[in-house]
Amino acid sequence: MTPPLGAELVDRSPSAGDVTLFGHWICPYSVRVSFALAQRGIVHDVVDVPPTAARPRGFVVPTEFVEHSPRGEIPMVRIGADYRADSLPILDWLEESFDGRSLLPADEVGRALVRDRTVWIDAHVFAPMIGIYYGTDETRIADASTSLAAGLAAMGEWLEESPWLAGQEPTVAEAAVIPVYVRLDALRRLGFAGPVDPRVAEHITRCTALAGWNAVAWTDEQSSDFVGRFERYRAARRAQSQG
């Protein structure tokens, strides 16, 4: 792998310079792809397509997105005339389509480790994160909070072995977990009460120095917007259950 902070992108596809991300800052899956594009130095356009639950009234979904996103979900990426949807397949596709700064090790053993840990993050860190902010029952929010803290603690064990989640340099595993780090303060406001493993806290600090972080870090306004949306969601769901 080349150094994560400064390698140049080498285009090895005739149409690879024509890259567009269809996504939105509030979607954690879009954040994964935004981080990877920026971290790899891939110049791209962005078409803002809010997730269904966050679309303002009257929002017109681009025809191109409707035609090429199989489930109508973000993120979707276009490279030239080709399209991919779903964050993890997109990350693999970017690795196949571009040389230069990579987020996968060169050796197969290293690649297998990255992919295993990325899938693990999906199940044991991403899932409880989503359980927290979509939670409407205090017990379920608390359970999700406990599960998220446990997932972060397990990641801490990995970080005992190396400074990054799957080796000596940032990988797709970092892209997979970055949305959790970006919204950690907002998660606290929505009920995450668990500890953050000190090794993970140090990892978060390292991640904030990466080129990809600047592309996805939330402002205070975005964090408050996110929290407000889910506070209103919870209030509406609780009102429905009581009515």
Protein backbone atom coordinates (compact mmCIF):
# COMPACT_ATOMS: atom_id res chain seq x y z
CA MET A 1 0.00 0.00 0.00
CA THR A 2 1.13 3.56 -0.65
CA PRO A 3 1.27 6.19 2.10
CA PRO A 4 -2.28 7.20 3.07
CA LEU A 5 -1.59 10.93 3.14
CA GLY A 6 -0.18 12.09 -0.14
CA ALA A 7 -0.12 9.48 -2.87
CA GLU A 8 -1.29 10.55 -6.31
CA LEU A 9 -4.22 8.94 -8.07
CA VAL A 10 -3.43 7.07 -11.28
CA ASP A 11 -6.33 6.68 -13.68
CA ARG A 12 -6.32 3.29 -15.44
CA SER A 13 -9.78 3.42 -17.00
CA PRO A 14 -10.63 5.61 -20.01
CA SER A 15 -13.76 6.85 -18.25
CA ALA A 16 -12.57 6.71 -14.65
CA GLY A 17 -12.05 10.44 -14.39
CA ASP A 18 -15.79 10.93 -14.80
CA VAL A 19 -17.01 10.04 -11.32
CA THR A 20 -20.23 11.06 -9.59
CA LEU A 21 -21.49 10.18 -6.12
CA PHE A 22 -25.24 10.24 -5.52
CA GLY A 23 -25.60 10.55 -1.75
CA HIS A 24 -26.22 12.72 1.28
CA TRP A 25 -24.28 13.68 4.41
CA ILE A 26 -26.88 12.27 6.81
CA CYS A 27 -26.68 8.74 5.36
CA PRO A 28 -23.93 6.68 7.05
CA TYR A 29 -23.52 4.49 3.98
CA SER A 30 -22.92 7.56 1.80
CA VAL A 31 -20.38 8.81 4.34
CA ARG A 32 -18.37 5.63 3.84
CA VAL A 33 -18.09 6.28 0.13
CA SER A 34 -17.43 10.01 0.52
CA PHE A 35 -14.60 9.21 2.91
CA ALA A 36 -13.07 6.62 0.56
CA LEU A 37 -13.26 8.91 -2.48
CA ALA A 38 -11.57 11.75 -0.61
CA GLN A 39 -9.01 9.51 1.08
CA ARG A 40 -8.03 8.00 -2.27
CA GLY A 41 -7.88 11.40 -3.94
CA ILE A 42 -10.50 10.54 -6.54
CA VAL A 43 -11.91 13.72 -8.03
CA HIS A 44 -15.69 13.45 -8.25
CA ASP A 45 -18.95 15.34 -8.46
CA VAL A 46 -21.70 14.99 -5.88
CA VAL A 47 -25.42 14.88 -6.60
CA ASP A 48 -27.33 15.47 -3.40
CA VAL A 49 -30.02 12.80 -2.98
CA PRO A 50 -31.38 12.68 0.58
CA PRO A 51 -32.49 9.29 1.89
CA THR A 52 -36.22 8.72 1.65
CA ALA A 53 -36.93 9.63 5.28
CA ALA A 54 -35.01 12.92 4.97
CA ARG A 55 -36.32 14.17 1.63
CA PRO A 56 -38.02 17.54 1.80
CA ARG A 57 -41.52 17.79 0.40
CA GLY A 58 -41.42 18.30 -3.34
CA PHE A 59 -37.88 16.95 -3.77
CA VAL A 60 -37.40 15.61 -7.28
CA VAL A 61 -35.23 12.52 -7.42
CA PRO A 62 -32.88 12.67 -10.43
CA THR A 63 -33.98 10.43 -13.29
CA GLU A 64 -30.47 9.04 -13.60
CA PHE A 65 -30.59 7.86 -10.01
CA VAL A 66 -34.04 6.27 -10.41
CA GLU A 67 -32.89 4.41 -13.52
CA HIS A 68 -29.69 2.97 -12.06
CA SER A 69 -30.20 2.46 -8.31
CA PRO A 70 -31.90 -0.96 -8.07
CA ARG A 71 -33.58 -0.31 -4.71
CA GLY A 72 -33.75 3.46 -4.93
CA GLU A 73 -31.27 3.80 -2.08
CA ILE A 74 -28.13 5.84 -1.64
CA PRO A 75 -25.23 5.77 -2.13
CA MET A 76 -24.81 5.18 -5.83
CA VAL A 77 -21.66 5.93 -7.82
CA ARG A 78 -21.21 6.43 -11.53
CA ILE A 79 -17.82 5.91 -13.18
CA GLY A 80 -18.11 6.79 -16.84
CA ALA A 81 -21.19 4.94 -18.06
CA ASP A 82 -21.18 2.29 -15.31
CA TYR A 83 -23.06 2.39 -12.00
CA ARG A 84 -22.83 0.67 -8.63
CA ALA A 85 -25.03 0.93 -5.54
CA ASP A 86 -24.53 -0.17 -1.91
CA SER A 87 -21.56 1.13 0.05
CA LEU A 88 -19.35 -1.94 0.46
CA PRO A 89 -19.61 -3.10 -3.17
CA ILE A 90 -18.85 0.49 -4.20
CA LEU A 91 -15.69 0.50 -2.08
CA ASP A 92 -14.53 -2.71 -3.77
CA TRP A 93 -15.36 -1.23 -7.18
CA LEU A 94 -13.24 1.84 -6.49
CA GLU A 95 -10.32 -0.46 -5.69
CA GLU A 96 -10.82 -2.26 -8.99
CA SER A 97 -11.17 0.95 -11.00
CA PHE A 98 -8.28 3.09 -9.76
CA ASP A 99 -4.60 2.72 -9.00
CA GLY A 100 -2.73 5.04 -6.67
CA ARG A 101 -3.72 5.41 -3.05
CA SER A 102 -5.34 2.13 -2.05
CA LEU A 103 -7.50 1.15 0.91
CA LEU A 104 -6.68 -2.53 0.58
CA PRO A 105 -3.37 -4.30 1.28
CA ALA A 106 -1.51 -5.79 -1.65
CA ASP A 107 -1.43 -9.31 -0.20
CA GLU A 108 -4.42 -11.65 -0.14
CA VAL A 109 -4.12 -12.42 3.58
CA GLY A 110 -4.24 -8.72 4.39
CA ARG A 111 -7.20 -8.18 2.06
CA ALA A 112 -9.09 -11.05 3.66
CA LEU A 113 -8.50 -9.56 7.11
CA VAL A 114 -9.79 -6.15 5.98
CA ARG A 115 -12.93 -7.67 4.47
CA ASP A 116 -13.62 -9.85 7.51
CA ARG A 117 -13.32 -6.90 9.85
CA THR A 118 -15.44 -4.70 7.60
CA VAL A 119 -18.27 -7.25 7.68
CA TRP A 120 -17.84 -7.53 11.45
CA ILE A 121 -18.13 -3.75 11.84
CA ASP A 122 -21.38 -3.84 9.88
CA ALA A 123 -22.88 -6.38 12.27
CA HIS A 124 -21.45 -5.37 15.64
CA VAL A 125 -20.89 -1.61 15.40
CA PHE A 126 -23.11 -0.25 12.64
CA ALA A 127 -26.20 -2.21 13.64
CA PRO A 128 -26.27 -1.03 17.28
CA MET A 129 -25.47 2.52 16.18
CA ILE A 130 -28.61 2.49 14.04
CA GLY A 131 -30.49 0.84 16.89
CA ILE A 132 -29.71 3.81 19.11
CA TYR A 133 -31.03 6.60 16.92
CA TYR A 134 -34.01 4.67 15.59
CA GLY A 135 -34.86 3.47 19.08
CA THR A 136 -38.10 4.63 20.65
CA ASP A 137 -38.12 2.34 23.68
CA GLU A 138 -35.66 3.27 26.45
CA THR A 139 -34.79 -0.36 27.12
CA ARG A 140 -33.95 -1.02 23.48
CA ILE A 141 -31.89 2.17 23.26
CA ALA A 142 -29.97 1.08 26.36
CA ASP A 143 -29.42 -2.40 24.91
CA ALA A 144 -28.14 -0.90 21.63
CA SER A 145 -25.89 1.41 23.63
CA THR A 146 -24.39 -1.55 25.48
CA SER A 147 -23.88 -3.44 22.22
CA LEU A 148 -22.17 -0.47 20.59
CA ALA A 149 -19.80 -0.06 23.53
CA ALA A 150 -18.98 -3.78 23.32
CA GLY A 151 -18.31 -3.50 19.60
CA LEU A 152 -15.98 -0.56 20.13
CA ALA A 153 -14.18 -2.47 22.88
CA ALA A 154 -13.62 -5.39 20.51
CA MET A 155 -12.19 -2.96 17.96
CA GLY A 156 -9.88 -1.78 20.70
CA GLU A 157 -8.40 -5.27 20.82
CA TRP A 158 -7.53 -5.00 17.13
CA LEU A 159 -5.92 -1.63 17.77
CA GLU A 160 -3.69 -3.22 20.40
CA GLU A 161 -2.02 -5.04 17.50
CA SER A 162 -1.66 -2.14 15.04
CA PRO A 163 -2.45 1.59 14.76
CA TRP A 164 -5.21 0.96 12.23
CA LEU A 165 -8.08 -1.51 12.25
CA ALA A 166 -6.46 -4.04 9.94
CA GLY A 167 -2.78 -3.23 9.73
CA GLN A 168 -0.26 -0.45 9.54
CA GLU A 169 -2.24 1.87 7.27
CA PRO A 170 -5.87 2.99 6.87
CA THR A 171 -8.04 0.57 4.92
CA VAL A 172 -11.63 -0.04 3.89
CA ALA A 173 -12.22 -0.98 7.54
CA GLU A 174 -11.65 2.67 8.46
CA ALA A 175 -14.11 3.75 5.75
CA ALA A 176 -16.64 1.29 7.20
CA VAL A 177 -16.51 2.71 10.73
CA ILE A 178 -15.97 6.41 9.97
CA PRO A 179 -19.74 7.23 10.02
CA VAL A 180 -19.89 6.04 13.63
CA TYR A 181 -17.02 8.34 14.58
CA VAL A 182 -18.53 11.28 12.72
CA ARG A 183 -21.82 11.06 14.63
CA LEU A 184 -20.49 9.95 18.01
CA ASP A 185 -21.39 13.21 19.76
CA ALA A 186 -24.88 13.09 18.27
CA LEU A 187 -25.24 9.48 19.43
CA ARG A 188 -24.43 10.62 22.95
CA ARG A 189 -27.30 13.09 22.77
CA LEU A 190 -29.61 10.33 21.53
CA GLY A 191 -28.82 7.84 24.26
CA PHE A 192 -25.40 6.29 23.78
CA ALA A 193 -24.21 6.01 27.35
CA GLY A 194 -21.46 3.44 26.99
CA PRO A 195 -17.72 4.03 27.35
CA VAL A 196 -15.47 4.46 24.34
CA ASP A 197 -12.44 2.21 24.59
CA PRO A 198 -9.33 4.42 25.05
CA ARG A 199 -7.62 2.70 22.11
CA VAL A 200 -10.61 3.57 19.93
CA ALA A 201 -10.48 7.16 21.17
CA GLU A 202 -6.86 7.33 20.02
CA HIS A 203 -7.87 5.78 16.70
CA ILE A 204 -10.54 8.45 16.24
CA THR A 205 -7.88 11.11 16.74
CA ARG A 206 -5.70 9.48 14.08
CA CYS A 207 -8.66 9.33 11.71
CA THR A 208 -9.31 13.07 12.09
CA ALA A 209 -5.89 13.69 10.51
CA LEU A 210 -6.79 11.75 7.35
CA ALA A 211 -7.69 13.48 4.10
CA GLY A 212 -11.00 11.63 4.01
CA TRP A 213 -12.10 12.97 7.39
CA ASN A 214 -12.34 16.55 6.16
CA ALA A 215 -14.81 15.44 3.49
CA VAL A 216 -17.26 13.92 5.96
CA ALA A 217 -16.81 15.61 9.37
CA TRP A 218 -20.03 17.16 10.66
CA THR A 219 -20.49 20.75 11.66
CA ASP A 220 -22.31 21.57 14.88
CA GLU A 221 -25.32 22.49 12.75
CA GLN A 222 -25.36 19.09 11.04
CA SER A 223 -25.07 17.28 14.34
CA SER A 224 -27.96 19.28 15.79
CA ASP A 225 -30.02 18.70 12.64
CA PHE A 226 -29.45 14.95 12.95
CA VAL A 227 -30.38 14.88 16.64
CA GLY A 228 -33.47 17.02 16.04
CA ARG A 229 -34.72 14.74 13.28
CA PHE A 230 -34.56 11.68 15.49
CA GLU A 231 -36.00 13.40 18.52
CA ARG A 232 -39.00 14.33 16.38
CA TYR A 233 -39.13 10.79 14.98
CA ARG A 234 -39.20 9.34 18.48
CA ALA A 235 -41.85 11.77 19.63
CA ALA A 236 -44.07 10.91 16.65
CA ARG A 237 -43.68 7.17 17.16
CA ARG A 238 -44.44 7.42 20.85
CA ALA A 239 -47.51 9.53 20.15
CA GLN A 240 -48.73 6.90 17.68
CA SER A 241 -48.25 4.10 20.21
CA GLN A 242 -50.17 6.02 22.84
CA GLY A 243 -52.98 6.93 20.47
